[in-house]
């Protein structure tokens, strides 16, 4: 909902290190799910909680599915965070969850999602019309080029080009996260 999204976008005021920690925790949680062949399919701020020690916990597995090659009919999710292959009713892999991580990281950087619209169709049309790409001169103060590169690679429209399509190690070894004590 709008209130949760607004609160979440205020995270951009939190230190760059804290956002990196937040993303790393989310990646670690997804790695666990994906090792069990579970695609969450609805990663968004409302489905995350932060425990007393500051770790991110993934909640609401109501529309999660065990991955199977023929899953084009599984199109549930929240449009602003949904990968284009899900919106377009194509077969998809665990990389759809990484797309949503990229959307949230973008939201932390800029205070808005990269693809917007008033309806599922408008969001889908926005995604299909243009690949959002953070340019070097657009990186907000306090953020690194590596963080922008991470986001750019996570929000790739084509899953074969998306960071995480080759597994969680690909994500964990990105320069922005590689020094995190996994």
N, C-alpha and C. Protein backbone atom coordinates (compact mmCIF):
# COMPACT_ATOMS: atom_id res chain seq x y z
N UNK A 1 0.83 -1.18 0.00
CA UNK A 1 0.00 0.00 0.00
C UNK A 1 0.88 1.25 0.00
N UNK A 2 0.27 2.39 -0.30
CA UNK A 2 1.02 3.63 -0.45
C UNK A 2 1.75 4.04 0.82
N UNK A 3 1.12 3.86 2.00
CA UNK A 3 1.75 4.25 3.25
C UNK A 3 3.01 3.44 3.52
N UNK A 4 2.95 2.13 3.31
CA UNK A 4 4.13 1.28 3.52
C UNK A 4 5.21 1.65 2.53
N UNK A 5 4.85 1.87 1.27
CA UNK A 5 5.82 2.24 0.25
C UNK A 5 6.48 3.56 0.61
N UNK A 6 5.69 4.51 1.10
CA UNK A 6 6.23 5.80 1.49
C UNK A 6 7.23 5.63 2.63
N UNK A 7 6.87 4.82 3.63
CA UNK A 7 7.79 4.56 4.74
C UNK A 7 9.05 3.89 4.23
N UNK A 8 8.88 2.94 3.31
CA UNK A 8 10.03 2.22 2.79
C UNK A 8 10.94 3.16 2.02
N UNK A 9 10.38 4.05 1.21
CA UNK A 9 11.23 4.94 0.42
C UNK A 9 12.00 5.90 1.31
N UNK A 10 11.55 6.11 2.54
CA UNK A 10 12.30 6.93 3.48
C UNK A 10 13.60 6.25 3.91
N UNK A 11 13.71 4.94 3.62
CA UNK A 11 14.95 4.25 3.93
C UNK A 11 16.14 4.88 3.24
N UNK A 12 15.90 5.61 2.14
CA UNK A 12 17.03 6.22 1.45
C UNK A 12 17.73 7.24 2.33
N UNK A 13 17.07 7.65 3.41
CA UNK A 13 17.71 8.56 4.36
C UNK A 13 18.63 7.81 5.31
N UNK A 14 18.49 6.50 5.35
CA UNK A 14 19.34 5.68 6.20
C UNK A 14 20.68 5.53 5.50
N UNK A 15 21.70 5.27 6.24
CA UNK A 15 23.03 5.21 5.66
C UNK A 15 23.14 4.17 4.56
N UNK A 16 24.02 4.46 3.65
CA UNK A 16 24.34 3.57 2.53
C UNK A 16 24.70 2.18 3.06
N UNK A 17 25.45 2.10 4.14
CA UNK A 17 25.84 0.81 4.71
C UNK A 17 24.61 0.02 5.17
N UNK A 18 23.68 0.69 5.81
CA UNK A 18 22.48 0.01 6.30
C UNK A 18 21.65 -0.55 5.15
N UNK A 19 21.55 0.16 4.05
CA UNK A 19 20.80 -0.33 2.90
C UNK A 19 21.52 -1.55 2.33
N UNK A 20 22.85 -1.51 2.26
CA UNK A 20 23.61 -2.67 1.80
C UNK A 20 23.35 -3.88 2.69
N UNK A 21 23.30 -3.66 3.99
CA UNK A 21 23.02 -4.74 4.93
C UNK A 21 21.60 -5.28 4.71
N UNK A 22 20.65 -4.38 4.53
CA UNK A 22 19.26 -4.75 4.27
C UNK A 22 19.18 -5.64 3.03
N UNK A 23 19.81 -5.20 1.94
CA UNK A 23 19.79 -5.96 0.68
C UNK A 23 20.49 -7.30 0.86
N UNK A 24 21.62 -7.31 1.55
CA UNK A 24 22.36 -8.57 1.76
C UNK A 24 21.51 -9.56 2.57
N UNK A 25 20.81 -9.10 3.58
CA UNK A 25 19.93 -9.98 4.35
C UNK A 25 18.83 -10.55 3.47
N UNK A 26 18.26 -9.71 2.64
CA UNK A 26 17.21 -10.15 1.74
C UNK A 26 17.74 -11.19 0.75
N UNK A 27 18.92 -10.96 0.21
CA UNK A 27 19.54 -11.92 -0.71
C UNK A 27 19.80 -13.25 0.00
N UNK A 28 20.27 -13.20 1.24
CA UNK A 28 20.53 -14.43 2.00
C UNK A 28 19.22 -15.19 2.23
N UNK A 29 18.15 -14.49 2.56
CA UNK A 29 16.85 -15.14 2.74
C UNK A 29 16.34 -15.76 1.46
N UNK A 30 16.51 -15.05 0.36
CA UNK A 30 16.08 -15.60 -0.93
C UNK A 30 16.94 -16.78 -1.34
N UNK A 31 18.22 -16.72 -1.03
CA UNK A 31 19.10 -17.85 -1.35
C UNK A 31 18.58 -19.12 -0.67
N UNK A 32 18.18 -19.01 0.58
CA UNK A 32 17.63 -20.16 1.30
C UNK A 32 16.37 -20.68 0.61
N UNK A 33 15.46 -19.78 0.28
CA UNK A 33 14.22 -20.19 -0.41
C UNK A 33 14.54 -20.85 -1.74
N UNK A 34 15.41 -20.23 -2.50
CA UNK A 34 15.72 -20.73 -3.84
C UNK A 34 16.43 -22.08 -3.80
N UNK A 35 17.24 -22.31 -2.76
CA UNK A 35 17.86 -23.64 -2.60
C UNK A 35 16.80 -24.71 -2.40
N UNK A 36 15.66 -24.33 -1.86
CA UNK A 36 14.53 -25.24 -1.65
C UNK A 36 13.58 -25.23 -2.85
N UNK A 37 14.00 -24.56 -3.94
CA UNK A 37 13.22 -24.46 -5.19
C UNK A 37 11.94 -23.63 -5.02
N UNK A 38 11.92 -22.73 -4.04
CA UNK A 38 10.75 -21.88 -3.79
C UNK A 38 10.97 -20.51 -4.43
N UNK A 39 10.02 -20.09 -5.25
CA UNK A 39 10.00 -18.73 -5.79
C UNK A 39 8.97 -17.97 -4.96
N UNK A 40 9.37 -16.90 -4.30
CA UNK A 40 8.45 -16.15 -3.45
C UNK A 40 7.39 -15.44 -4.30
N UNK A 41 7.81 -14.73 -5.33
CA UNK A 41 6.97 -14.07 -6.31
C UNK A 41 6.25 -12.83 -5.82
N UNK A 42 6.45 -12.42 -4.58
CA UNK A 42 5.81 -11.19 -4.10
C UNK A 42 6.73 -10.47 -3.11
N UNK A 43 8.00 -10.37 -3.48
CA UNK A 43 8.94 -9.62 -2.65
C UNK A 43 8.61 -8.14 -2.80
N UNK A 44 8.30 -7.52 -1.69
CA UNK A 44 7.96 -6.09 -1.64
C UNK A 44 8.09 -5.66 -0.19
N UNK A 45 8.14 -4.35 0.07
CA UNK A 45 8.33 -3.87 1.45
C UNK A 45 7.32 -4.44 2.45
N UNK A 46 6.06 -4.57 2.04
CA UNK A 46 5.03 -5.05 2.96
C UNK A 46 5.25 -6.49 3.39
N UNK A 47 6.05 -7.23 2.64
CA UNK A 47 6.28 -8.64 2.97
C UNK A 47 7.64 -8.88 3.62
N UNK A 48 8.21 -7.82 4.16
CA UNK A 48 9.48 -7.92 4.88
C UNK A 48 9.31 -7.33 6.27
N UNK A 49 9.94 -7.94 7.24
CA UNK A 49 9.98 -7.38 8.59
C UNK A 49 11.43 -7.36 9.04
N UNK A 50 11.72 -6.46 9.96
CA UNK A 50 13.06 -6.37 10.53
C UNK A 50 12.96 -6.84 11.97
N UNK A 51 13.76 -7.86 12.31
CA UNK A 51 13.68 -8.42 13.66
C UNK A 51 14.41 -7.52 14.66
N UNK A 52 14.39 -7.91 15.92
CA UNK A 52 14.97 -7.10 17.00
C UNK A 52 16.47 -6.87 16.83
N UNK A 53 17.14 -7.76 16.09
CA UNK A 53 18.58 -7.61 15.87
C UNK A 53 18.90 -6.88 14.57
N UNK A 54 17.88 -6.44 13.84
CA UNK A 54 18.09 -5.68 12.62
C UNK A 54 18.16 -6.50 11.35
N UNK A 55 17.87 -7.80 11.44
CA UNK A 55 17.91 -8.66 10.26
C UNK A 55 16.56 -8.66 9.55
N UNK A 56 16.61 -8.69 8.23
CA UNK A 56 15.40 -8.72 7.42
C UNK A 56 14.86 -10.14 7.37
N UNK A 57 13.57 -10.27 7.56
CA UNK A 57 12.88 -11.56 7.47
C UNK A 57 11.82 -11.47 6.39
N UNK A 58 11.76 -12.47 5.55
CA UNK A 58 10.77 -12.53 4.47
C UNK A 58 9.50 -13.17 5.02
N UNK A 59 8.35 -12.55 4.75
CA UNK A 59 7.06 -13.07 5.22
C UNK A 59 6.12 -13.27 4.03
N UNK A 60 4.93 -13.71 4.32
CA UNK A 60 3.83 -13.87 3.38
C UNK A 60 4.22 -14.72 2.17
N UNK A 61 4.23 -16.00 2.38
CA UNK A 61 4.51 -16.95 1.31
C UNK A 61 3.22 -17.45 0.66
N UNK A 62 2.14 -16.67 0.78
CA UNK A 62 0.83 -17.07 0.28
C UNK A 62 0.79 -17.37 -1.21
N UNK A 63 1.58 -16.66 -2.02
CA UNK A 63 1.57 -16.93 -3.45
C UNK A 63 2.90 -17.54 -3.93
N UNK A 64 3.75 -17.91 -2.98
CA UNK A 64 5.01 -18.57 -3.35
C UNK A 64 4.70 -19.91 -4.00
N UNK A 65 5.60 -20.35 -4.86
CA UNK A 65 5.42 -21.62 -5.56
C UNK A 65 6.73 -22.38 -5.60
N UNK A 66 6.61 -23.69 -5.63
CA UNK A 66 7.76 -24.53 -5.93
C UNK A 66 8.04 -24.33 -7.42
N UNK A 67 9.30 -24.06 -7.76
CA UNK A 67 9.64 -23.79 -9.16
C UNK A 67 9.41 -25.03 -10.02
N UNK A 68 8.86 -24.79 -11.18
CA UNK A 68 8.73 -25.82 -12.21
C UNK A 68 8.89 -25.12 -13.55
N UNK A 69 9.41 -25.82 -14.55
CA UNK A 69 9.71 -25.18 -15.83
C UNK A 69 8.52 -24.53 -16.53
N UNK A 70 7.36 -25.15 -16.43
CA UNK A 70 6.16 -24.60 -17.09
C UNK A 70 5.32 -23.88 -16.05
N UNK A 71 5.57 -22.57 -15.90
CA UNK A 71 4.85 -21.83 -14.87
C UNK A 71 4.30 -20.49 -15.37
N UNK A 72 4.11 -20.38 -16.66
CA UNK A 72 3.63 -19.12 -17.25
C UNK A 72 2.28 -18.67 -16.70
N UNK A 73 1.45 -19.59 -16.27
CA UNK A 73 0.13 -19.22 -15.74
C UNK A 73 0.21 -18.66 -14.32
N UNK A 74 1.34 -18.80 -13.65
CA UNK A 74 1.52 -18.27 -12.28
C UNK A 74 1.89 -16.80 -12.37
N UNK A 75 0.89 -15.92 -12.35
CA UNK A 75 1.17 -14.50 -12.57
C UNK A 75 0.86 -13.62 -11.36
N UNK A 76 0.70 -14.19 -10.21
CA UNK A 76 0.39 -13.38 -9.04
C UNK A 76 1.60 -12.55 -8.62
N UNK A 77 1.33 -11.48 -7.91
CA UNK A 77 2.39 -10.61 -7.40
C UNK A 77 1.88 -9.18 -7.36
N UNK A 78 2.76 -8.28 -7.00
CA UNK A 78 2.42 -6.86 -6.93
C UNK A 78 3.05 -6.17 -8.12
N UNK A 79 2.25 -5.56 -9.00
CA UNK A 79 2.76 -5.04 -10.26
C UNK A 79 4.02 -4.18 -10.17
N UNK A 80 4.13 -3.30 -9.23
CA UNK A 80 5.31 -2.43 -9.14
C UNK A 80 6.61 -3.16 -8.87
N UNK A 81 6.53 -4.38 -8.39
CA UNK A 81 7.72 -5.17 -8.05
C UNK A 81 7.82 -6.44 -8.90
N UNK A 82 6.85 -6.66 -9.77
CA UNK A 82 6.75 -7.89 -10.54
C UNK A 82 7.66 -7.83 -11.77
N UNK A 83 8.42 -8.89 -11.98
CA UNK A 83 9.30 -8.98 -13.13
C UNK A 83 8.48 -9.02 -14.42
N UNK A 84 9.02 -8.47 -15.50
CA UNK A 84 8.25 -8.43 -16.74
C UNK A 84 7.84 -9.79 -17.27
N UNK A 85 8.66 -10.82 -17.07
CA UNK A 85 8.28 -12.14 -17.58
C UNK A 85 7.06 -12.70 -16.86
N UNK A 86 6.85 -12.30 -15.62
CA UNK A 86 5.65 -12.73 -14.90
C UNK A 86 4.44 -11.94 -15.42
N UNK A 87 4.62 -10.63 -15.55
CA UNK A 87 3.53 -9.78 -16.04
C UNK A 87 3.07 -10.19 -17.44
N UNK A 88 4.02 -10.67 -18.23
CA UNK A 88 3.71 -11.06 -19.62
C UNK A 88 3.37 -12.54 -19.76
N UNK A 89 3.15 -13.18 -18.63
CA UNK A 89 2.73 -14.59 -18.60
C UNK A 89 3.69 -15.52 -19.33
N UNK A 90 5.00 -15.35 -19.01
CA UNK A 90 6.03 -16.21 -19.57
C UNK A 90 6.58 -17.10 -18.46
N UNK A 91 7.18 -18.22 -18.84
CA UNK A 91 7.85 -19.06 -17.84
C UNK A 91 8.93 -18.24 -17.17
N UNK A 92 9.13 -18.50 -15.87
CA UNK A 92 10.09 -17.69 -15.12
C UNK A 92 10.81 -18.53 -14.07
N UNK A 93 11.90 -17.97 -13.59
CA UNK A 93 12.75 -18.66 -12.60
C UNK A 93 12.84 -17.81 -11.33
N UNK A 94 13.73 -18.21 -10.45
CA UNK A 94 13.92 -17.48 -9.19
C UNK A 94 14.41 -16.05 -9.42
N UNK A 95 14.89 -15.74 -10.62
CA UNK A 95 15.39 -14.39 -10.88
C UNK A 95 14.29 -13.34 -10.77
N UNK A 96 13.01 -13.76 -10.78
CA UNK A 96 11.93 -12.78 -10.60
C UNK A 96 12.01 -12.15 -9.20
N UNK A 97 12.47 -12.92 -8.23
CA UNK A 97 12.63 -12.37 -6.88
C UNK A 97 13.77 -11.35 -6.84
N UNK A 98 14.81 -11.58 -7.61
CA UNK A 98 15.94 -10.63 -7.65
C UNK A 98 15.54 -9.34 -8.35
N UNK A 99 14.66 -9.43 -9.34
CA UNK A 99 14.13 -8.22 -9.97
C UNK A 99 13.49 -7.33 -8.90
N UNK A 100 12.69 -7.93 -8.04
CA UNK A 100 12.02 -7.17 -6.97
C UNK A 100 13.02 -6.55 -6.00
N UNK A 101 14.11 -7.26 -5.71
CA UNK A 101 15.16 -6.70 -4.85
C UNK A 101 15.74 -5.45 -5.52
N UNK A 102 15.98 -5.54 -6.82
CA UNK A 102 16.49 -4.38 -7.56
C UNK A 102 15.53 -3.21 -7.53
N UNK A 103 14.24 -3.49 -7.65
CA UNK A 103 13.23 -2.43 -7.58
C UNK A 103 13.29 -1.75 -6.21
N UNK A 104 13.39 -2.54 -5.14
CA UNK A 104 13.44 -1.95 -3.79
C UNK A 104 14.72 -1.15 -3.57
N UNK A 105 15.85 -1.64 -4.08
CA UNK A 105 17.11 -0.89 -3.95
C UNK A 105 17.01 0.43 -4.72
N UNK A 106 16.43 0.40 -5.90
CA UNK A 106 16.20 1.61 -6.68
C UNK A 106 15.32 2.58 -5.87
N UNK A 107 14.30 2.03 -5.27
CA UNK A 107 13.38 2.85 -4.46
C UNK A 107 14.10 3.50 -3.29
N UNK A 108 15.03 2.79 -2.68
CA UNK A 108 15.82 3.37 -1.59
C UNK A 108 16.71 4.51 -2.11
N UNK A 109 17.24 4.35 -3.32
CA UNK A 109 18.11 5.37 -3.90
C UNK A 109 17.35 6.64 -4.29
N UNK A 110 16.18 6.47 -4.89
CA UNK A 110 15.48 7.60 -5.52
C UNK A 110 14.14 7.97 -4.89
N UNK A 111 13.63 7.15 -3.97
CA UNK A 111 12.36 7.46 -3.33
C UNK A 111 11.15 7.12 -4.17
N UNK A 112 11.37 6.39 -5.26
CA UNK A 112 10.26 5.94 -6.12
C UNK A 112 10.70 4.67 -6.83
N UNK A 113 9.73 3.92 -7.33
CA UNK A 113 10.05 2.71 -8.08
C UNK A 113 10.48 3.09 -9.50
N UNK A 114 11.26 2.23 -10.15
CA UNK A 114 11.71 2.56 -11.51
C UNK A 114 10.61 2.51 -12.56
N UNK A 115 9.62 1.66 -12.35
CA UNK A 115 8.52 1.52 -13.30
C UNK A 115 7.23 1.82 -12.56
N UNK A 116 6.50 2.82 -13.04
CA UNK A 116 5.30 3.25 -12.34
C UNK A 116 4.11 3.28 -13.27
N UNK A 117 2.94 3.36 -12.68
CA UNK A 117 1.69 3.45 -13.42
C UNK A 117 0.54 3.32 -12.44
N UNK A 118 -0.64 3.66 -12.91
CA UNK A 118 -1.83 3.60 -12.05
C UNK A 118 -2.51 2.24 -12.10
N UNK A 119 -2.10 1.42 -13.05
CA UNK A 119 -2.70 0.09 -13.18
C UNK A 119 -1.62 -0.91 -13.57
N UNK A 120 -1.97 -2.17 -13.45
CA UNK A 120 -1.04 -3.23 -13.85
C UNK A 120 -0.63 -3.05 -15.32
N UNK A 121 -1.58 -2.69 -16.18
CA UNK A 121 -1.29 -2.49 -17.60
C UNK A 121 -0.33 -1.32 -17.80
N UNK A 122 -0.55 -0.21 -17.12
CA UNK A 122 0.35 0.95 -17.26
C UNK A 122 1.77 0.60 -16.81
N UNK A 123 1.89 -0.12 -15.71
CA UNK A 123 3.22 -0.53 -15.23
C UNK A 123 3.86 -1.46 -16.24
N UNK A 124 3.11 -2.43 -16.73
CA UNK A 124 3.66 -3.35 -17.73
C UNK A 124 4.10 -2.59 -18.98
N UNK A 125 3.28 -1.67 -19.44
CA UNK A 125 3.64 -0.88 -20.63
C UNK A 125 4.90 -0.06 -20.39
N UNK A 126 5.05 0.49 -19.18
CA UNK A 126 6.25 1.26 -18.84
C UNK A 126 7.49 0.35 -18.86
N UNK A 127 7.37 -0.82 -18.28
CA UNK A 127 8.49 -1.77 -18.27
C UNK A 127 8.87 -2.16 -19.70
N UNK A 128 7.87 -2.44 -20.52
CA UNK A 128 8.14 -2.91 -21.88
C UNK A 128 8.61 -1.80 -22.82
N UNK A 129 8.31 -0.55 -22.49
CA UNK A 129 8.67 0.55 -23.39
C UNK A 129 10.13 0.97 -23.27
N UNK A 130 10.72 0.82 -22.09
CA UNK A 130 12.08 1.34 -21.91
C UNK A 130 12.77 0.68 -20.73
N UNK A 131 14.01 0.29 -20.95
CA UNK A 131 14.83 -0.24 -19.85
C UNK A 131 15.31 0.94 -19.01
N UNK A 132 14.94 0.98 -17.75
CA UNK A 132 15.45 2.01 -16.84
C UNK A 132 16.90 1.70 -16.55
N UNK A 133 17.73 2.72 -16.62
CA UNK A 133 19.16 2.56 -16.40
C UNK A 133 19.64 3.77 -15.62
N UNK A 134 20.27 3.56 -14.47
CA UNK A 134 20.84 4.67 -13.70
C UNK A 134 22.17 5.04 -14.36
N UNK A 135 22.27 6.28 -14.81
CA UNK A 135 23.50 6.75 -15.44
C UNK A 135 24.45 7.28 -14.37
N UNK A 136 25.72 7.30 -14.69
CA UNK A 136 26.75 7.70 -13.73
C UNK A 136 26.44 9.05 -13.08
N UNK A 137 25.98 10.01 -13.86
CA UNK A 137 25.68 11.34 -13.34
C UNK A 137 24.40 11.41 -12.52
N UNK A 138 23.63 10.35 -12.49
CA UNK A 138 22.36 10.32 -11.75
C UNK A 138 22.48 9.65 -10.38
N UNK A 139 23.64 9.10 -10.08
CA UNK A 139 23.82 8.39 -8.81
C UNK A 139 23.70 9.40 -7.67
N UNK A 140 22.75 9.20 -6.77
CA UNK A 140 22.56 10.16 -5.67
C UNK A 140 23.80 10.25 -4.78
N UNK A 141 23.95 11.42 -4.20
CA UNK A 141 25.05 11.64 -3.27
C UNK A 141 24.96 10.61 -2.14
N UNK A 142 26.08 10.05 -1.77
CA UNK A 142 26.11 9.06 -0.70
C UNK A 142 26.00 7.63 -1.20
N UNK A 143 25.72 7.45 -2.48
CA UNK A 143 25.63 6.12 -3.09
C UNK A 143 26.83 5.91 -3.99
N UNK A 144 27.21 4.68 -4.15
CA UNK A 144 28.38 4.36 -4.98
C UNK A 144 27.97 3.97 -6.39
N UNK A 145 28.93 4.05 -7.29
CA UNK A 145 28.74 3.57 -8.67
C UNK A 145 28.43 2.07 -8.63
N UNK A 146 29.07 1.34 -7.70
CA UNK A 146 28.83 -0.11 -7.58
C UNK A 146 27.38 -0.40 -7.19
N UNK A 147 26.82 0.42 -6.30
CA UNK A 147 25.42 0.22 -5.91
C UNK A 147 24.50 0.48 -7.10
N UNK A 148 24.78 1.52 -7.86
CA UNK A 148 23.98 1.81 -9.05
C UNK A 148 24.10 0.69 -10.08
N UNK A 149 25.30 0.15 -10.25
CA UNK A 149 25.50 -0.96 -11.17
C UNK A 149 24.71 -2.18 -10.71
N UNK A 150 24.71 -2.44 -9.41
CA UNK A 150 23.94 -3.55 -8.84
C UNK A 150 22.47 -3.40 -9.20
N UNK A 151 21.92 -2.22 -8.95
CA UNK A 151 20.50 -1.97 -9.24
C UNK A 151 20.24 -2.15 -10.74
N UNK A 152 21.09 -1.55 -11.57
CA UNK A 152 20.91 -1.66 -13.02
C UNK A 152 20.87 -3.12 -13.47
N UNK A 153 21.72 -3.94 -12.88
CA UNK A 153 21.78 -5.35 -13.28
C UNK A 153 20.63 -6.16 -12.71
N UNK A 154 20.06 -5.72 -11.59
CA UNK A 154 18.94 -6.44 -10.99
C UNK A 154 17.61 -6.13 -11.67
N UNK A 155 17.48 -4.94 -12.24
CA UNK A 155 16.19 -4.56 -12.84
C UNK A 155 16.20 -4.73 -14.36
N UNK A 156 17.07 -5.58 -14.85
CA UNK A 156 17.08 -5.87 -16.28
C UNK A 156 15.76 -6.50 -16.69
N UNK A 157 15.20 -6.02 -17.78
CA UNK A 157 13.92 -6.55 -18.26
C UNK A 157 14.06 -7.98 -18.76
N UNK A 158 15.16 -8.27 -19.41
CA UNK A 158 15.37 -9.62 -19.95
C UNK A 158 16.02 -10.48 -18.86
N UNK A 159 15.36 -11.55 -18.44
CA UNK A 159 15.88 -12.35 -17.33
C UNK A 159 17.28 -12.91 -17.59
N UNK A 160 17.60 -13.22 -18.83
CA UNK A 160 18.92 -13.77 -19.13
C UNK A 160 20.03 -12.74 -18.90
N UNK A 161 19.68 -11.46 -18.84
CA UNK A 161 20.66 -10.40 -18.57
C UNK A 161 20.66 -9.96 -17.11
N UNK A 162 19.74 -10.49 -16.32
CA UNK A 162 19.55 -10.05 -14.94
C UNK A 162 20.54 -10.70 -13.99
N UNK A 163 21.10 -9.90 -13.11
CA UNK A 163 21.96 -10.41 -12.05
C UNK A 163 21.10 -11.34 -11.18
N UNK A 164 21.58 -12.53 -10.92
CA UNK A 164 20.82 -13.51 -10.15
C UNK A 164 20.23 -14.60 -11.02
N UNK A 165 20.19 -14.38 -12.32
CA UNK A 165 19.67 -15.41 -13.21
C UNK A 165 20.55 -16.66 -13.15
N UNK A 166 21.83 -16.45 -12.85
CA UNK A 166 22.76 -17.58 -12.72
C UNK A 166 22.90 -18.08 -11.30
N UNK A 167 22.07 -17.60 -10.38
CA UNK A 167 22.11 -18.06 -9.00
C UNK A 167 22.56 -16.98 -8.02
N UNK A 168 22.44 -17.28 -6.75
CA UNK A 168 22.72 -16.30 -5.70
C UNK A 168 24.19 -15.92 -5.62
N UNK A 169 25.10 -16.82 -5.99
CA UNK A 169 26.52 -16.47 -5.94
C UNK A 169 26.82 -15.28 -6.85
N UNK A 170 26.14 -15.22 -7.97
CA UNK A 170 26.29 -14.11 -8.89
C UNK A 170 25.96 -12.79 -8.18
N UNK A 171 24.89 -12.80 -7.42
CA UNK A 171 24.46 -11.60 -6.68
C UNK A 171 25.44 -11.30 -5.56
N UNK A 172 25.80 -12.30 -4.80
CA UNK A 172 26.69 -12.11 -3.65
C UNK A 172 28.10 -11.68 -4.05
N UNK A 173 28.51 -12.00 -5.27
CA UNK A 173 29.85 -11.64 -5.73
C UNK A 173 29.89 -10.33 -6.50
N UNK A 174 28.75 -9.64 -6.58
CA UNK A 174 28.76 -8.33 -7.23
C UNK A 174 29.63 -7.39 -6.38
N UNK A 175 30.38 -6.47 -7.01
CA UNK A 175 31.26 -5.57 -6.24
C UNK A 175 30.59 -4.82 -5.09
N UNK A 176 29.29 -4.52 -5.20
CA UNK A 176 28.62 -3.80 -4.12
C UNK A 176 28.46 -4.66 -2.88
N UNK A 177 28.28 -5.99 -3.04
CA UNK A 177 28.03 -6.87 -1.91
C UNK A 177 29.17 -7.83 -1.60
N UNK A 178 30.16 -7.91 -2.46
CA UNK A 178 31.16 -8.98 -2.33
C UNK A 178 31.92 -8.94 -1.01
N UNK A 179 32.08 -7.78 -0.38
CA UNK A 179 32.81 -7.70 0.89
C UNK A 179 31.93 -7.96 2.11
N UNK A 180 30.65 -8.21 1.88
CA UNK A 180 29.75 -8.51 2.99
C UNK A 180 30.17 -9.84 3.60
N UNK A 181 30.20 -9.96 4.92
CA UNK A 181 30.65 -11.23 5.55
C UNK A 181 29.57 -12.31 5.50
N UNK A 182 29.37 -12.88 4.33
CA UNK A 182 28.34 -13.89 4.12
C UNK A 182 28.52 -15.04 5.09
